[in-house]
Amino acid sequence: MNSSMIFPFLLITLLCADTFIFGFSYGLDRVKIPLSSLSLISCISGLTLTLSFLSGDWLLTLLPPFLKTCLPFAVLLLLSLYKIYDALPALHRPKGPLTSEALSRKINQKEAQLLSWNEAALLAVTLSIDNISVGLSIGTCHLPVFLLLSYSVLIHGAAIWGGWLLGHHLSRRCSHNLSIISALLLLALAFAQLR
């Protein structure tokens, strides 16, 4: 597998870090995520990412060459800076409104111990914002659509389920450590776009 094939898989996996952290947050709070809600989150997030990558392929054909490098760099840089902000509590108020933890608490308001379909759909849309911005700016590097969609759906499902399972066993500090790692990796990917 050449590097042009590895990059999209690595990027999709890194974009699922938020999904993992949301799952981790729900696991810490002992909120149950039914299989139907898990499937809904995976499908919406995976489909959104796939469509944004495909649209990004088309969009990138319309841009001048220098923007094809600058746009992905700028989007990944801004996304990584936000993730660093989110991962370091010293940069924001405790329970600040723009953190992953605050968003997960706002989304799950009906039955505190169960993530409903409506809440799962809202969570999936929230998680897809990063996917849309990155997918539109980078494109797929011409991966087959079925492979892109399958991997996106599976990795989103695995990320939220794995985060939920780990949330039962690990402290909150670990979620911040995972956030900072994904933020630094996204920052590295941003600078890799400049080569």
N, C-alpha and C. Protein backbone atom coordinates (compact mmCIF):
# COMPACT_ATOMS: atom_id res chain seq x y z
N MET A 1 0.85 -1.18 0.00
CA MET A 1 0.00 0.00 0.00
C MET A 1 0.89 1.24 0.00
N ASN A 2 0.70 2.12 -0.98
CA ASN A 2 1.56 3.31 -1.07
C ASN A 2 1.08 4.41 -0.13
N SER A 3 1.90 5.45 0.02
CA SER A 3 1.61 6.51 0.99
C SER A 3 0.34 7.28 0.66
N SER A 4 -0.02 7.39 -0.63
CA SER A 4 -1.26 8.10 -0.99
C SER A 4 -2.49 7.32 -0.54
N MET A 5 -2.35 6.01 -0.34
CA MET A 5 -3.45 5.19 0.17
C MET A 5 -3.48 5.21 1.70
N ILE A 6 -2.32 5.30 2.34
CA ILE A 6 -2.24 5.27 3.80
C ILE A 6 -2.78 6.56 4.41
N PHE A 7 -2.49 7.71 3.79
CA PHE A 7 -2.89 9.00 4.34
C PHE A 7 -4.38 9.10 4.65
N PRO A 8 -5.30 8.74 3.72
CA PRO A 8 -6.73 8.85 4.05
C PRO A 8 -7.14 7.94 5.22
N PHE A 9 -6.57 6.73 5.29
CA PHE A 9 -6.91 5.83 6.40
C PHE A 9 -6.44 6.42 7.73
N LEU A 10 -5.25 6.98 7.75
CA LEU A 10 -4.73 7.60 8.96
C LEU A 10 -5.58 8.80 9.35
N LEU A 11 -5.95 9.61 8.38
CA LEU A 11 -6.76 10.79 8.64
C LEU A 11 -8.14 10.41 9.19
N ILE A 12 -8.78 9.43 8.59
CA ILE A 12 -10.10 8.97 9.07
C ILE A 12 -9.98 8.48 10.51
N THR A 13 -8.94 7.72 10.79
CA THR A 13 -8.74 7.21 12.14
C THR A 13 -8.55 8.35 13.13
N LEU A 14 -7.76 9.36 12.77
CA LEU A 14 -7.55 10.50 13.66
C LEU A 14 -8.82 11.32 13.86
N LEU A 15 -9.63 11.43 12.81
CA LEU A 15 -10.89 12.17 12.94
C LEU A 15 -11.86 11.48 13.89
N CYS A 16 -11.65 10.20 14.11
CA CYS A 16 -12.51 9.45 15.04
C CYS A 16 -12.10 9.63 16.49
N ALA A 17 -11.04 10.38 16.75
CA ALA A 17 -10.61 10.61 18.13
C ALA A 17 -11.71 11.29 18.94
N ASP A 18 -12.42 12.27 18.33
CA ASP A 18 -13.53 12.92 19.02
C ASP A 18 -14.62 11.90 19.35
N THR A 19 -14.91 11.02 18.41
CA THR A 19 -15.92 9.99 18.62
C THR A 19 -15.51 9.11 19.80
N PHE A 20 -14.25 8.74 19.84
CA PHE A 20 -13.73 7.93 20.95
C PHE A 20 -13.90 8.67 22.28
N ILE A 21 -13.59 9.97 22.29
CA ILE A 21 -13.66 10.75 23.52
C ILE A 21 -15.10 10.94 23.97
N PHE A 22 -16.03 11.14 23.02
CA PHE A 22 -17.44 11.20 23.40
C PHE A 22 -17.87 9.88 24.02
N GLY A 23 -17.50 8.75 23.39
CA GLY A 23 -17.81 7.44 23.95
C GLY A 23 -17.21 7.27 25.33
N PHE A 24 -15.98 7.73 25.49
CA PHE A 24 -15.29 7.66 26.77
C PHE A 24 -16.06 8.44 27.84
N SER A 25 -16.51 9.63 27.48
CA SER A 25 -17.28 10.47 28.40
C SER A 25 -18.57 9.78 28.84
N TYR A 26 -19.28 9.18 27.87
CA TYR A 26 -20.50 8.46 28.21
C TYR A 26 -20.21 7.24 29.08
N GLY A 27 -19.10 6.56 28.81
CA GLY A 27 -18.70 5.42 29.62
C GLY A 27 -18.40 5.81 31.05
N LEU A 28 -17.73 6.94 31.24
CA LEU A 28 -17.43 7.43 32.59
C LEU A 28 -18.71 7.71 33.37
N ASP A 29 -19.72 8.23 32.67
CA ASP A 29 -20.99 8.55 33.32
C ASP A 29 -21.95 7.37 33.37
N ARG A 30 -21.51 6.20 32.89
CA ARG A 30 -22.32 4.97 32.87
C ARG A 30 -23.60 5.14 32.04
N VAL A 31 -23.53 5.95 31.01
CA VAL A 31 -24.65 6.11 30.08
C VAL A 31 -24.61 4.93 29.11
N LYS A 32 -25.73 4.24 28.97
CA LYS A 32 -25.79 3.09 28.06
C LYS A 32 -25.98 3.59 26.63
N ILE A 33 -25.24 2.97 25.70
CA ILE A 33 -25.39 3.29 24.28
C ILE A 33 -25.92 2.04 23.60
N PRO A 34 -27.24 2.00 23.31
CA PRO A 34 -27.81 0.82 22.65
C PRO A 34 -27.18 0.61 21.27
N LEU A 35 -27.24 -0.62 20.79
CA LEU A 35 -26.67 -0.96 19.48
C LEU A 35 -27.29 -0.11 18.38
N SER A 36 -28.60 0.18 18.49
CA SER A 36 -29.26 0.99 17.46
C SER A 36 -28.68 2.41 17.43
N SER A 37 -28.42 3.00 18.60
CA SER A 37 -27.82 4.34 18.65
C SER A 37 -26.39 4.32 18.16
N LEU A 38 -25.65 3.27 18.53
CA LEU A 38 -24.27 3.12 18.07
C LEU A 38 -24.22 3.01 16.55
N SER A 39 -25.12 2.21 15.98
CA SER A 39 -25.18 2.04 14.52
C SER A 39 -25.53 3.35 13.83
N LEU A 40 -26.47 4.09 14.41
CA LEU A 40 -26.88 5.37 13.83
C LEU A 40 -25.71 6.36 13.80
N ILE A 41 -24.98 6.46 14.91
CA ILE A 41 -23.82 7.36 14.97
C ILE A 41 -22.79 6.95 13.92
N SER A 42 -22.50 5.65 13.84
CA SER A 42 -21.50 5.14 12.89
C SER A 42 -21.89 5.44 11.46
N CYS A 43 -23.16 5.17 11.13
CA CYS A 43 -23.61 5.35 9.74
C CYS A 43 -23.65 6.82 9.34
N ILE A 44 -24.20 7.68 10.19
CA ILE A 44 -24.27 9.11 9.86
C ILE A 44 -22.86 9.69 9.74
N SER A 45 -22.01 9.40 10.71
CA SER A 45 -20.65 9.95 10.69
C SER A 45 -19.86 9.41 9.50
N GLY A 46 -19.95 8.11 9.24
CA GLY A 46 -19.22 7.51 8.12
C GLY A 46 -19.71 8.01 6.78
N LEU A 47 -21.03 8.12 6.62
CA LEU A 47 -21.59 8.60 5.35
C LEU A 47 -21.23 10.07 5.12
N THR A 48 -21.32 10.87 6.17
CA THR A 48 -20.97 12.29 6.05
C THR A 48 -19.51 12.46 5.64
N LEU A 49 -18.63 11.69 6.28
CA LEU A 49 -17.21 11.78 5.94
C LEU A 49 -16.96 11.35 4.50
N THR A 50 -17.59 10.26 4.09
CA THR A 50 -17.42 9.76 2.72
C THR A 50 -17.90 10.79 1.70
N LEU A 51 -19.09 11.35 1.93
CA LEU A 51 -19.63 12.35 1.00
C LEU A 51 -18.76 13.60 0.95
N SER A 52 -18.24 14.00 2.10
CA SER A 52 -17.39 15.21 2.10
C SER A 52 -16.06 14.94 1.39
N PHE A 53 -15.51 13.73 1.53
CA PHE A 53 -14.30 13.39 0.78
C PHE A 53 -14.57 13.40 -0.72
N LEU A 54 -15.70 12.82 -1.13
CA LEU A 54 -16.03 12.78 -2.56
C LEU A 54 -16.27 14.19 -3.10
N SER A 55 -16.96 15.02 -2.33
CA SER A 55 -17.17 16.41 -2.73
C SER A 55 -15.85 17.16 -2.76
N GLY A 56 -14.96 16.82 -1.83
CA GLY A 56 -13.64 17.44 -1.79
C GLY A 56 -12.83 17.15 -3.03
N ASP A 57 -12.95 15.91 -3.56
CA ASP A 57 -12.27 15.57 -4.82
C ASP A 57 -12.71 16.52 -5.93
N TRP A 58 -14.01 16.74 -6.02
CA TRP A 58 -14.56 17.62 -7.05
C TRP A 58 -14.12 19.07 -6.80
N LEU A 59 -14.23 19.51 -5.54
CA LEU A 59 -13.87 20.88 -5.19
C LEU A 59 -12.39 21.17 -5.49
N LEU A 60 -11.53 20.20 -5.19
CA LEU A 60 -10.10 20.42 -5.41
C LEU A 60 -9.74 20.56 -6.88
N THR A 61 -10.56 20.01 -7.78
CA THR A 61 -10.28 20.18 -9.22
C THR A 61 -10.55 21.62 -9.67
N LEU A 62 -11.36 22.35 -8.91
CA LEU A 62 -11.69 23.73 -9.26
C LEU A 62 -10.71 24.76 -8.70
N LEU A 63 -9.86 24.35 -7.77
CA LEU A 63 -8.98 25.29 -7.09
C LEU A 63 -7.63 25.41 -7.80
N PRO A 64 -7.01 26.59 -7.71
CA PRO A 64 -5.65 26.73 -8.23
C PRO A 64 -4.68 25.87 -7.41
N PRO A 65 -3.57 25.46 -8.01
CA PRO A 65 -2.64 24.53 -7.34
C PRO A 65 -2.17 24.97 -5.95
N PHE A 66 -1.88 26.27 -5.75
CA PHE A 66 -1.37 26.67 -4.43
C PHE A 66 -2.43 26.49 -3.34
N LEU A 67 -3.72 26.66 -3.69
CA LEU A 67 -4.78 26.46 -2.71
C LEU A 67 -4.98 24.99 -2.36
N LYS A 68 -4.63 24.10 -3.28
CA LYS A 68 -4.75 22.66 -2.99
C LYS A 68 -3.81 22.25 -1.86
N THR A 69 -2.75 22.99 -1.67
CA THR A 69 -1.84 22.74 -0.56
C THR A 69 -2.23 23.56 0.66
N CYS A 70 -2.54 24.83 0.46
CA CYS A 70 -2.82 25.73 1.58
C CYS A 70 -4.12 25.41 2.30
N LEU A 71 -5.17 25.05 1.57
CA LEU A 71 -6.47 24.80 2.19
C LEU A 71 -6.43 23.60 3.14
N PRO A 72 -5.93 22.43 2.71
CA PRO A 72 -5.84 21.31 3.66
C PRO A 72 -4.96 21.64 4.87
N PHE A 73 -3.86 22.35 4.64
CA PHE A 73 -2.98 22.74 5.74
C PHE A 73 -3.75 23.61 6.74
N ALA A 74 -4.45 24.62 6.25
CA ALA A 74 -5.17 25.54 7.13
C ALA A 74 -6.26 24.83 7.93
N VAL A 75 -7.03 23.97 7.27
CA VAL A 75 -8.12 23.26 7.96
C VAL A 75 -7.56 22.34 9.04
N LEU A 76 -6.54 21.56 8.70
CA LEU A 76 -5.94 20.65 9.69
C LEU A 76 -5.27 21.42 10.83
N LEU A 77 -4.64 22.54 10.51
CA LEU A 77 -4.00 23.36 11.54
C LEU A 77 -5.04 23.90 12.52
N LEU A 78 -6.12 24.47 12.00
CA LEU A 78 -7.17 25.01 12.88
C LEU A 78 -7.82 23.91 13.71
N LEU A 79 -8.08 22.76 13.09
CA LEU A 79 -8.68 21.64 13.81
C LEU A 79 -7.75 21.16 14.93
N SER A 80 -6.47 21.06 14.64
CA SER A 80 -5.52 20.60 15.67
C SER A 80 -5.41 21.62 16.80
N LEU A 81 -5.44 22.92 16.48
CA LEU A 81 -5.39 23.95 17.53
C LEU A 81 -6.62 23.89 18.42
N TYR A 82 -7.81 23.65 17.83
CA TYR A 82 -9.01 23.50 18.65
C TYR A 82 -8.88 22.28 19.57
N LYS A 83 -8.37 21.18 19.03
CA LYS A 83 -8.24 19.96 19.83
C LYS A 83 -7.22 20.15 20.96
N ILE A 84 -6.18 20.94 20.72
CA ILE A 84 -5.24 21.25 21.80
C ILE A 84 -5.95 22.06 22.88
N TYR A 85 -6.73 23.05 22.47
CA TYR A 85 -7.53 23.85 23.41
C TYR A 85 -8.45 22.95 24.23
N ASP A 86 -9.14 22.03 23.55
CA ASP A 86 -10.08 21.13 24.21
C ASP A 86 -9.37 20.19 25.18
N ALA A 87 -8.15 19.78 24.83
CA ALA A 87 -7.43 18.79 25.62
C ALA A 87 -6.74 19.37 26.85
N LEU A 88 -6.51 20.67 26.86
CA LEU A 88 -5.79 21.29 27.98
C LEU A 88 -6.74 22.16 28.80
N PRO A 89 -7.21 21.65 29.94
CA PRO A 89 -8.17 22.39 30.76
C PRO A 89 -7.66 23.76 31.20
N ALA A 90 -6.36 23.95 31.27
CA ALA A 90 -5.82 25.24 31.69
C ALA A 90 -6.15 26.35 30.70
N LEU A 91 -6.50 25.99 29.46
CA LEU A 91 -6.80 26.98 28.43
C LEU A 91 -8.25 27.47 28.45
N HIS A 92 -9.11 26.80 29.21
CA HIS A 92 -10.52 27.19 29.25
C HIS A 92 -11.09 26.96 30.64
N ARG A 93 -12.27 27.56 30.88
CA ARG A 93 -12.94 27.37 32.17
C ARG A 93 -13.34 25.91 32.34
N PRO A 94 -13.37 25.43 33.58
CA PRO A 94 -13.91 24.08 33.79
C PRO A 94 -15.35 24.03 33.28
N LYS A 95 -15.67 22.99 32.58
CA LYS A 95 -17.01 22.81 31.98
C LYS A 95 -17.36 23.95 31.02
N GLY A 96 -16.34 24.49 30.35
CA GLY A 96 -16.56 25.54 29.36
C GLY A 96 -17.47 25.05 28.24
N PRO A 97 -18.21 25.96 27.57
CA PRO A 97 -19.22 25.54 26.59
C PRO A 97 -18.65 24.97 25.29
N LEU A 98 -17.39 25.19 24.99
CA LEU A 98 -16.83 24.74 23.71
C LEU A 98 -15.93 23.52 23.85
N THR A 99 -16.15 22.70 24.87
CA THR A 99 -15.33 21.50 25.06
C THR A 99 -16.14 20.25 24.72
N SER A 100 -15.45 19.16 24.42
CA SER A 100 -16.12 17.90 24.10
C SER A 100 -17.01 17.44 25.25
N GLU A 101 -16.52 17.60 26.47
CA GLU A 101 -17.28 17.16 27.64
C GLU A 101 -18.59 17.94 27.77
N ALA A 102 -18.54 19.25 27.58
CA ALA A 102 -19.75 20.07 27.69
C ALA A 102 -20.75 19.71 26.59
N LEU A 103 -20.27 19.48 25.37
CA LEU A 103 -21.17 19.09 24.28
C LEU A 103 -21.85 17.76 24.56
N SER A 104 -21.11 16.79 25.10
CA SER A 104 -21.71 15.48 25.36
C SER A 104 -22.79 15.58 26.43
N ARG A 105 -22.61 16.46 27.42
CA ARG A 105 -23.63 16.62 28.46
C ARG A 105 -24.88 17.33 27.91
N LYS A 106 -24.69 18.30 27.01
CA LYS A 106 -25.84 19.01 26.43
C LYS A 106 -26.66 18.09 25.54
N ILE A 107 -25.99 17.20 24.82
CA ILE A 107 -26.69 16.33 23.89
C ILE A 107 -27.55 15.30 24.61
N ASN A 108 -27.06 14.73 25.68
CA ASN A 108 -27.77 13.64 26.37
C ASN A 108 -28.57 14.21 27.54
N GLN A 109 -29.77 14.76 27.26
CA GLN A 109 -30.54 15.41 28.31
C GLN A 109 -31.82 14.69 28.70
N LYS A 110 -32.40 13.86 27.83
CA LYS A 110 -33.69 13.25 28.14
C LYS A 110 -33.59 12.23 29.26
N GLU A 111 -33.14 11.04 28.96
CA GLU A 111 -32.96 10.00 29.97
C GLU A 111 -31.47 9.90 30.22
N ALA A 112 -31.05 10.33 31.38
CA ALA A 112 -29.62 10.51 31.65
C ALA A 112 -28.79 9.25 31.48
N GLN A 113 -29.36 8.07 31.63
CA GLN A 113 -28.56 6.84 31.58
C GLN A 113 -28.71 6.07 30.27
N LEU A 114 -29.33 6.67 29.26
CA LEU A 114 -29.52 5.99 27.98
C LEU A 114 -29.41 7.00 26.83
N LEU A 115 -28.58 6.70 25.85
CA LEU A 115 -28.44 7.57 24.68
C LEU A 115 -29.52 7.18 23.66
N SER A 116 -30.54 8.04 23.52
CA SER A 116 -31.66 7.75 22.62
C SER A 116 -31.27 7.96 21.16
N TRP A 117 -32.18 7.56 20.25
CA TRP A 117 -31.95 7.75 18.81
C TRP A 117 -31.78 9.22 18.46
N ASN A 118 -32.68 10.06 18.99
CA ASN A 118 -32.60 11.50 18.69
C ASN A 118 -31.26 12.08 19.15
N GLU A 119 -30.87 11.70 20.36
CA GLU A 119 -29.61 12.20 20.90
C GLU A 119 -28.42 11.64 20.12
N ALA A 120 -28.53 10.38 19.68
CA ALA A 120 -27.47 9.76 18.88
C ALA A 120 -27.33 10.49 17.54
N ALA A 121 -28.47 10.85 16.93
CA ALA A 121 -28.42 11.57 15.65
C ALA A 121 -27.78 12.94 15.83
N LEU A 122 -28.14 13.64 16.90
CA LEU A 122 -27.56 14.95 17.18
C LEU A 122 -26.05 14.82 17.45
N LEU A 123 -25.67 13.79 18.18
CA LEU A 123 -24.25 13.55 18.44
C LEU A 123 -23.50 13.28 17.14
N ALA A 124 -24.10 12.47 16.26
CA ALA A 124 -23.46 12.15 14.98
C ALA A 124 -23.25 13.40 14.13
N VAL A 125 -24.25 14.28 14.12
CA VAL A 125 -24.13 15.54 13.36
C VAL A 125 -23.01 16.40 13.96
N THR A 126 -22.98 16.48 15.29
CA THR A 126 -21.93 17.25 15.96
C THR A 126 -20.55 16.71 15.62
N LEU A 127 -20.42 15.39 15.65
CA LEU A 127 -19.13 14.76 15.35
C LEU A 127 -18.75 14.92 13.88
N SER A 128 -19.74 15.12 13.02
CA SER A 128 -19.49 15.20 11.57
C SER A 128 -18.96 16.55 11.12
N ILE A 129 -19.01 17.55 11.97
CA ILE A 129 -18.55 18.89 11.57
C ILE A 129 -17.07 18.85 11.18
N ASP A 130 -16.25 18.20 12.01
CA ASP A 130 -14.82 18.05 11.67
C ASP A 130 -14.68 17.28 10.36
N ASN A 131 -15.47 16.20 10.24
CA ASN A 131 -15.39 15.35 9.05
C ASN A 131 -15.66 16.15 7.78
N ILE A 132 -16.68 16.98 7.82
CA ILE A 132 -17.07 17.76 6.64
C ILE A 132 -15.96 18.73 6.25
N SER A 133 -15.46 19.49 7.22
CA SER A 133 -14.45 20.50 6.89
C SER A 133 -13.17 19.86 6.36
N VAL A 134 -12.73 18.77 6.98
CA VAL A 134 -11.50 18.12 6.53
C VAL A 134 -11.72 17.41 5.19
N GLY A 135 -12.83 16.70 5.06
CA GLY A 135 -13.11 15.97 3.82
C GLY A 135 -13.21 16.89 2.62
N LEU A 136 -13.87 18.03 2.79
CA LEU A 136 -14.01 18.98 1.68
C LEU A 136 -12.67 19.58 1.27
N SER A 137 -11.78 19.74 2.23
CA SER A 137 -10.52 20.40 1.90
C SER A 137 -9.44 19.44 1.41
N ILE A 138 -9.60 18.15 1.65
CA ILE A 138 -8.54 17.20 1.30
C ILE A 138 -8.92 16.26 0.17
N GLY A 139 -10.15 15.79 0.11
CA GLY A 139 -10.52 14.79 -0.89
C GLY A 139 -10.05 13.41 -0.49
N THR A 140 -10.28 12.41 -1.32
CA THR A 140 -10.02 11.02 -0.93
C THR A 140 -8.70 10.46 -1.41
N CYS A 141 -7.98 11.15 -2.21
CA CYS A 141 -6.80 10.56 -2.86
C CYS A 141 -7.23 9.35 -3.68
N HIS A 142 -8.43 9.39 -4.18
CA HIS A 142 -8.98 8.39 -5.11
C HIS A 142 -9.10 6.99 -4.52
N LEU A 143 -9.55 6.90 -3.27
CA LEU A 143 -9.88 5.59 -2.70
C LEU A 143 -11.20 5.12 -3.29
N PRO A 144 -11.40 3.81 -3.45
CA PRO A 144 -12.70 3.31 -3.90
C PRO A 144 -13.79 3.70 -2.89
N VAL A 145 -14.95 4.11 -3.39
CA VAL A 145 -16.03 4.61 -2.54
C VAL A 145 -16.45 3.57 -1.50
N PHE A 146 -16.61 2.32 -1.91
CA PHE A 146 -17.04 1.28 -0.97
C PHE A 146 -16.03 1.11 0.16
N LEU A 147 -14.76 1.14 -0.17
CA LEU A 147 -13.70 1.00 0.84
C LEU A 147 -13.72 2.19 1.80
N LEU A 148 -13.86 3.38 1.27
CA LEU A 148 -13.91 4.59 2.07
C LEU A 148 -15.11 4.57 3.02
N LEU A 149 -16.29 4.25 2.48
CA LEU A 149 -17.51 4.21 3.29
C LEU A 149 -17.43 3.13 4.36
N SER A 150 -17.01 1.93 3.97
CA SER A 150 -16.93 0.82 4.93
C SER A 150 -15.98 1.14 6.07
N TYR A 151 -14.81 1.63 5.72
CA TYR A 151 -13.82 1.93 6.77
C TYR A 151 -14.32 3.06 7.67
N SER A 152 -14.94 4.09 7.09
CA SER A 152 -15.45 5.22 7.88
C SER A 152 -16.50 4.76 8.88
N VAL A 153 -17.46 3.96 8.41
CA VAL A 153 -18.53 3.49 9.29
C VAL A 153 -17.96 2.59 10.39
N LEU A 154 -17.11 1.65 10.00
CA LEU A 154 -16.56 0.71 10.99
C LEU A 154 -15.68 1.40 12.02
N ILE A 155 -14.85 2.32 11.58
CA ILE A 155 -13.93 2.96 12.53
C ILE A 155 -14.68 3.90 13.47
N HIS A 156 -15.75 4.57 12.98
CA HIS A 156 -16.56 5.40 13.88
C HIS A 156 -17.25 4.53 14.93
N GLY A 157 -17.81 3.40 14.51
CA GLY A 157 -18.46 2.49 15.46
C GLY A 157 -17.47 1.94 16.48
N ALA A 158 -16.31 1.52 16.00
CA ALA A 158 -15.29 0.98 16.91
C ALA A 158 -14.79 2.06 17.87
N ALA A 159 -14.68 3.30 17.39
CA ALA A 159 -14.18 4.38 18.24
C ALA A 159 -15.15 4.69 19.38
N ILE A 160 -16.44 4.81 19.08
CA ILE A 160 -17.37 5.15 20.16
C ILE A 160 -17.54 3.98 21.12
N TRP A 161 -17.58 2.76 20.58
CA TRP A 161 -17.73 1.58 21.44
C TRP A 161 -16.48 1.38 22.31
N GLY A 162 -15.30 1.51 21.70
CA GLY A 162 -14.06 1.37 22.46
C GLY A 162 -13.92 2.44 23.52
N GLY A 163 -14.28 3.68 23.17
CA GLY A 163 -14.24 4.77 24.15
C GLY A 163 -15.19 4.52 25.30
N TRP A 164 -16.38 4.02 24.97
CA TRP A 164 -17.37 3.74 26.00
C TRP A 164 -16.87 2.65 26.95
N LEU A 165 -16.29 1.60 26.40
CA LEU A 165 -15.76 0.52 27.25
C LEU A 165 -14.63 1.02 28.14
N LEU A 166 -13.73 1.80 27.56
CA LEU A 166 -12.61 2.31 28.35
C LEU A 166 -13.06 3.29 29.43
N GLY A 167 -14.13 4.02 29.14
CA GLY A 167 -14.65 4.99 30.10
C GLY A 167 -15.03 4.39 31.43
N HIS A 168 -15.41 3.12 31.43
CA HIS A 168 -15.75 2.44 32.68
C HIS A 168 -14.52 2.18 33.54
N HIS A 169 -13.35 2.18 32.95
CA HIS A 169 -12.16 1.73 33.67
C HIS A 169 -11.09 2.78 33.89
N LEU A 170 -11.13 3.87 33.15
CA LEU A 170 -10.05 4.85 33.24
C LEU A 170 -10.53 6.18 33.80
N SER A 171 -9.61 6.98 34.26
CA SER A 171 -9.96 8.28 34.84
C SER A 171 -10.16 9.33 33.76
N ARG A 172 -10.71 10.48 34.14
CA ARG A 172 -10.93 11.59 33.20
C ARG A 172 -9.61 12.13 32.64
N ARG A 173 -8.58 12.07 33.39
CA ARG A 173 -7.29 12.61 32.93
C ARG A 173 -6.84 11.93 31.64
N CYS A 174 -7.15 10.64 31.51
CA CYS A 174 -6.73 9.91 30.31
C CYS A 174 -7.41 10.46 29.07
N SER A 175 -8.66 10.91 29.17
CA SER A 175 -9.34 11.44 27.99
C SER A 175 -8.62 12.69 27.49
N HIS A 176 -8.12 13.51 28.41
CA HIS A 176 -7.36 14.69 27.98
C HIS A 176 -6.06 14.28 27.31
N ASN A 177 -5.39 13.25 27.83
CA ASN A 177 -4.16 12.79 27.21
C ASN A 177 -4.42 12.28 25.80
N LEU A 178 -5.52 11.55 25.60
CA LEU A 178 -5.85 11.06 24.26
C LEU A 178 -6.16 12.22 23.33
N SER A 179 -6.82 13.23 23.82
CA SER A 179 -7.13 14.40 22.99
C SER A 179 -5.87 15.10 22.53
N ILE A 180 -4.94 15.27 23.43
CA ILE A 180 -3.72 15.99 23.06
C ILE A 180 -2.90 15.18 22.05
N ILE A 181 -2.91 13.85 22.19
CA ILE A 181 -2.19 13.02 21.23
C ILE A 181 -2.80 13.16 19.84
N SER A 182 -4.14 13.07 19.75
CA SER A 182 -4.77 13.20 18.43
C SER A 182 -4.56 14.60 17.87
N ALA A 183 -4.58 15.63 18.74
CA ALA A 183 -4.35 17.00 18.28
C ALA A 183 -2.94 17.16 17.71
N LEU A 184 -1.96 16.59 18.38
CA LEU A 184 -0.58 16.69 17.90
C LEU A 184 -0.38 15.91 16.60
N LEU A 185 -1.05 14.77 16.47
CA LEU A 185 -0.97 14.00 15.23
C LEU A 185 -1.61 14.77 14.07
N LEU A 186 -2.76 15.41 14.33
CA LEU A 186 -3.39 16.23 13.29
C LEU A 186 -2.50 17.41 12.90
N LEU A 187 -1.82 17.98 13.88
CA LEU A 187 -0.88 19.07 13.60
C LEU A 187 0.25 18.58 12.69
N ALA A 188 0.75 17.38 12.97
CA ALA A 188 1.79 16.79 12.11
C ALA A 188 1.27 16.55 10.70
N LEU A 189 0.01 16.07 10.59
CA LEU A 189 -0.60 15.87 9.27
C LEU A 189 -0.74 17.19 8.53
N ALA A 190 -1.07 18.26 9.26
CA ALA A 190 -1.21 19.58 8.64
C ALA A 190 0.12 19.99 8.00
N PHE A 191 1.21 19.86 8.73
CA PHE A 191 2.51 20.25 8.19
C PHE A 191 2.97 19.30 7.09
N ALA A 192 2.50 18.05 7.13
CA ALA A 192 2.84 17.11 6.05
C ALA A 192 2.22 17.54 4.73
N GLN A 193 1.11 18.31 4.79
CA GLN A 193 0.46 18.80 3.57
C GLN A 193 1.34 19.80 2.82
N LEU A 194 2.28 20.43 3.52
CA LEU A 194 3.10 21.47 2.90
C LEU A 194 4.25 20.92 2.06
N ARG A 195 4.51 19.64 2.15
CA ARG A 195 5.65 19.08 1.40
C ARG A 195 5.34 18.97 -0.07
